[in-house]
Amino acid sequence: MGWFEYSEEPKDDADKVSVTDVVLKVHQFKFRGIIYECIGDDMDFQILQFNHIINTSDWVTMENRIINQLLFGPRIKKIN
């Protein structure tokens, strides 16, 4: 078998990748099954804020921030 051939089967379900899995872009995050994308001039800062909220599991802040940014400022948009 050459160096580019790989035929080993996944050892468990954690090694399998579903066709429905989505690769997120740099300025995207997923919350409750919906993918959002940070837009605008400060999108680097916004994605840092959202990632911090996700890492600290502050779901109330996450929900409030998403609602406010969708209603009052074009800082994020729904992708799906």
N, C-alpha and C. Protein backbone atom coordinates (compact mmCIF):
# COMPACT_ATOMS: atom_id res chain seq x y z
N MET A 1 0.85 -1.18 0.00
CA MET A 1 0.00 0.00 0.00
C MET A 1 0.89 1.23 0.00
N GLY A 2 0.61 2.20 -0.87
CA GLY A 2 1.40 3.43 -0.97
C GLY A 2 1.09 4.40 0.15
N TRP A 3 1.86 5.45 0.22
CA TRP A 3 1.70 6.43 1.30
C TRP A 3 0.40 7.20 1.21
N PHE A 4 -0.22 7.27 0.02
CA PHE A 4 -1.44 8.04 -0.16
C PHE A 4 -2.70 7.20 -0.03
N GLU A 5 -2.57 5.90 0.14
CA GLU A 5 -3.73 5.04 0.28
C GLU A 5 -4.03 4.83 1.76
N TYR A 6 -5.28 4.89 2.11
CA TYR A 6 -5.67 4.73 3.51
C TYR A 6 -6.96 3.94 3.54
N SER A 7 -6.93 2.75 4.09
CA SER A 7 -8.12 1.91 4.05
C SER A 7 -8.57 1.47 5.44
N GLU A 8 -7.99 1.99 6.48
CA GLU A 8 -8.37 1.57 7.83
C GLU A 8 -9.78 2.08 8.14
N GLU A 9 -10.61 1.21 8.66
CA GLU A 9 -11.97 1.57 9.05
C GLU A 9 -11.94 2.33 10.37
N PRO A 10 -12.87 3.26 10.58
CA PRO A 10 -12.94 3.95 11.86
C PRO A 10 -13.14 2.96 13.00
N LYS A 11 -12.46 3.20 14.12
CA LYS A 11 -12.51 2.29 15.26
C LYS A 11 -13.82 2.41 16.04
N ASP A 12 -14.42 3.58 16.07
CA ASP A 12 -15.69 3.77 16.75
C ASP A 12 -16.45 4.90 16.07
N ASP A 13 -17.66 5.18 16.55
CA ASP A 13 -18.51 6.20 15.93
C ASP A 13 -17.92 7.60 16.01
N ALA A 14 -17.05 7.86 17.01
CA ALA A 14 -16.47 9.19 17.14
C ALA A 14 -15.54 9.52 15.98
N ASP A 15 -15.00 8.49 15.33
CA ASP A 15 -14.09 8.72 14.20
C ASP A 15 -14.82 8.93 12.88
N LYS A 16 -16.10 8.66 12.85
CA LYS A 16 -16.87 8.80 11.61
C LYS A 16 -17.35 10.24 11.46
N VAL A 17 -17.38 10.72 10.24
CA VAL A 17 -17.86 12.06 9.93
C VAL A 17 -19.13 11.92 9.11
N SER A 18 -20.18 12.56 9.56
CA SER A 18 -21.45 12.51 8.87
C SER A 18 -21.42 13.44 7.65
N VAL A 19 -22.17 13.10 6.65
CA VAL A 19 -22.28 13.94 5.47
C VAL A 19 -22.95 15.27 5.83
N THR A 20 -23.78 15.27 6.87
CA THR A 20 -24.50 16.48 7.25
C THR A 20 -23.67 17.40 8.13
N ASP A 21 -22.46 16.97 8.58
CA ASP A 21 -21.61 17.86 9.36
C ASP A 21 -21.19 19.04 8.51
N VAL A 22 -21.17 20.22 9.13
CA VAL A 22 -20.85 21.45 8.41
C VAL A 22 -19.54 21.99 8.95
N VAL A 23 -18.66 22.38 8.06
CA VAL A 23 -17.43 23.03 8.47
C VAL A 23 -17.70 24.52 8.56
N LEU A 24 -17.47 25.08 9.75
CA LEU A 24 -17.75 26.49 9.97
C LEU A 24 -16.58 27.34 9.48
N LYS A 25 -16.90 28.49 8.93
CA LYS A 25 -15.86 29.44 8.53
C LYS A 25 -15.35 30.18 9.76
N VAL A 26 -14.34 30.99 9.59
CA VAL A 26 -13.68 31.67 10.70
C VAL A 26 -14.64 32.53 11.51
N HIS A 27 -15.54 33.23 10.88
CA HIS A 27 -16.43 34.17 11.57
C HIS A 27 -17.83 33.59 11.79
N GLN A 28 -17.94 32.27 11.86
CA GLN A 28 -19.23 31.64 12.08
C GLN A 28 -19.24 30.88 13.39
N PHE A 29 -20.44 30.73 13.96
CA PHE A 29 -20.63 29.91 15.15
C PHE A 29 -22.00 29.27 15.06
N LYS A 30 -22.20 28.21 15.82
CA LYS A 30 -23.45 27.47 15.79
C LYS A 30 -24.07 27.51 17.18
N PHE A 31 -25.37 27.83 17.25
CA PHE A 31 -26.10 27.87 18.50
C PHE A 31 -27.50 27.32 18.26
N ARG A 32 -27.86 26.30 19.02
CA ARG A 32 -29.16 25.65 18.90
C ARG A 32 -29.47 25.20 17.48
N GLY A 33 -28.47 24.67 16.80
CA GLY A 33 -28.65 24.11 15.47
C GLY A 33 -28.67 25.13 14.34
N ILE A 34 -28.50 26.40 14.66
CA ILE A 34 -28.49 27.45 13.63
C ILE A 34 -27.09 28.02 13.52
N ILE A 35 -26.63 28.18 12.31
CA ILE A 35 -25.31 28.77 12.07
C ILE A 35 -25.48 30.27 11.85
N TYR A 36 -24.69 31.04 12.56
CA TYR A 36 -24.68 32.50 12.44
C TYR A 36 -23.31 32.94 11.96
N GLU A 37 -23.28 34.05 11.25
CA GLU A 37 -22.01 34.61 10.77
C GLU A 37 -21.90 36.05 11.24
N CYS A 38 -20.75 36.39 11.80
CA CYS A 38 -20.48 37.77 12.20
C CYS A 38 -20.17 38.57 10.95
N ILE A 39 -20.80 39.74 10.84
CA ILE A 39 -20.58 40.62 9.70
C ILE A 39 -20.28 42.02 10.23
N GLY A 40 -19.83 42.88 9.38
CA GLY A 40 -19.54 44.25 9.80
C GLY A 40 -18.05 44.48 10.03
N ASP A 41 -17.73 45.70 10.45
CA ASP A 41 -16.34 46.11 10.61
C ASP A 41 -15.63 45.39 11.76
N ASP A 42 -16.37 45.04 12.81
CA ASP A 42 -15.74 44.47 14.00
C ASP A 42 -16.00 42.97 14.13
N MET A 43 -16.06 42.25 13.02
CA MET A 43 -16.40 40.83 13.08
C MET A 43 -15.35 40.00 13.81
N ASP A 44 -14.08 40.41 13.80
CA ASP A 44 -13.06 39.69 14.57
C ASP A 44 -13.35 39.79 16.06
N PHE A 45 -13.70 40.98 16.52
CA PHE A 45 -14.04 41.18 17.92
C PHE A 45 -15.32 40.43 18.29
N GLN A 46 -16.32 40.47 17.41
CA GLN A 46 -17.59 39.80 17.69
C GLN A 46 -17.42 38.29 17.84
N ILE A 47 -16.64 37.66 16.96
CA ILE A 47 -16.47 36.21 17.04
C ILE A 47 -15.69 35.84 18.30
N LEU A 48 -14.76 36.69 18.74
CA LEU A 48 -14.08 36.45 20.01
C LEU A 48 -15.08 36.47 21.16
N GLN A 49 -16.00 37.42 21.13
CA GLN A 49 -17.02 37.52 22.18
C GLN A 49 -17.93 36.29 22.17
N PHE A 50 -18.39 35.88 21.01
CA PHE A 50 -19.27 34.71 20.95
C PHE A 50 -18.54 33.44 21.37
N ASN A 51 -17.29 33.28 20.95
CA ASN A 51 -16.52 32.10 21.36
C ASN A 51 -16.31 32.08 22.87
N HIS A 52 -16.08 33.24 23.47
CA HIS A 52 -15.94 33.30 24.93
C HIS A 52 -17.24 32.88 25.63
N ILE A 53 -18.36 33.36 25.11
CA ILE A 53 -19.66 32.99 25.69
C ILE A 53 -19.88 31.48 25.57
N ILE A 54 -19.53 30.90 24.45
CA ILE A 54 -19.67 29.45 24.26
C ILE A 54 -18.75 28.71 25.23
N ASN A 55 -17.51 29.15 25.36
CA ASN A 55 -16.55 28.47 26.24
C ASN A 55 -16.95 28.55 27.71
N THR A 56 -17.64 29.62 28.11
CA THR A 56 -18.07 29.77 29.50
C THR A 56 -19.50 29.27 29.72
N SER A 57 -20.14 28.78 28.67
CA SER A 57 -21.51 28.24 28.74
C SER A 57 -22.51 29.23 29.32
N ASP A 58 -22.38 30.48 28.93
CA ASP A 58 -23.30 31.53 29.38
C ASP A 58 -24.43 31.66 28.35
N TRP A 59 -25.38 30.73 28.41
CA TRP A 59 -26.39 30.61 27.36
C TRP A 59 -27.41 31.74 27.38
N VAL A 60 -27.68 32.32 28.54
CA VAL A 60 -28.60 33.45 28.60
C VAL A 60 -28.02 34.66 27.86
N THR A 61 -26.74 34.93 28.12
CA THR A 61 -26.06 36.03 27.41
C THR A 61 -26.02 35.75 25.92
N MET A 62 -25.76 34.51 25.55
CA MET A 62 -25.70 34.14 24.13
C MET A 62 -27.04 34.41 23.45
N GLU A 63 -28.12 33.96 24.06
CA GLU A 63 -29.44 34.17 23.47
C GLU A 63 -29.77 35.66 23.38
N ASN A 64 -29.49 36.41 24.44
CA ASN A 64 -29.77 37.86 24.43
C ASN A 64 -28.94 38.58 23.37
N ARG A 65 -27.68 38.22 23.26
CA ARG A 65 -26.82 38.89 22.29
C ARG A 65 -27.27 38.60 20.86
N ILE A 66 -27.65 37.36 20.58
CA ILE A 66 -28.13 37.02 19.23
C ILE A 66 -29.40 37.79 18.91
N ILE A 67 -30.35 37.80 19.84
CA ILE A 67 -31.61 38.52 19.60
C ILE A 67 -31.34 40.00 19.35
N ASN A 68 -30.54 40.62 20.21
CA ASN A 68 -30.26 42.05 20.06
C ASN A 68 -29.53 42.38 18.77
N GLN A 69 -28.57 41.57 18.41
CA GLN A 69 -27.81 41.87 17.19
C GLN A 69 -28.63 41.63 15.93
N LEU A 70 -29.55 40.68 15.96
CA LEU A 70 -30.42 40.49 14.80
C LEU A 70 -31.45 41.61 14.69
N LEU A 71 -31.92 42.12 15.83
CA LEU A 71 -32.96 43.16 15.80
C LEU A 71 -32.42 44.57 15.59
N PHE A 72 -31.32 44.91 16.26
CA PHE A 72 -30.90 46.31 16.34
C PHE A 72 -29.63 46.67 15.57
N GLY A 73 -28.92 45.71 15.10
CA GLY A 73 -27.71 46.07 14.38
C GLY A 73 -27.27 44.95 13.47
N PRO A 74 -26.83 45.28 12.32
CA PRO A 74 -26.38 44.22 11.40
C PRO A 74 -24.98 43.72 11.78
N ARG A 75 -24.89 43.04 12.91
CA ARG A 75 -23.60 42.48 13.35
C ARG A 75 -23.49 40.99 13.07
N ILE A 76 -24.64 40.31 12.99
CA ILE A 76 -24.66 38.89 12.65
C ILE A 76 -25.81 38.63 11.68
N LYS A 77 -25.71 37.51 10.99
CA LYS A 77 -26.80 37.07 10.13
C LYS A 77 -26.93 35.56 10.23
N LYS A 78 -28.15 35.06 10.03
CA LYS A 78 -28.39 33.63 10.03
C LYS A 78 -27.93 33.05 8.70
N ILE A 79 -27.23 31.94 8.78
CA ILE A 79 -26.80 31.25 7.56
C ILE A 79 -27.82 30.18 7.20
N ASN A 80 -28.33 29.44 8.17
CA ASN A 80 -29.38 28.45 7.92
C ASN A 80 -30.35 28.39 9.06
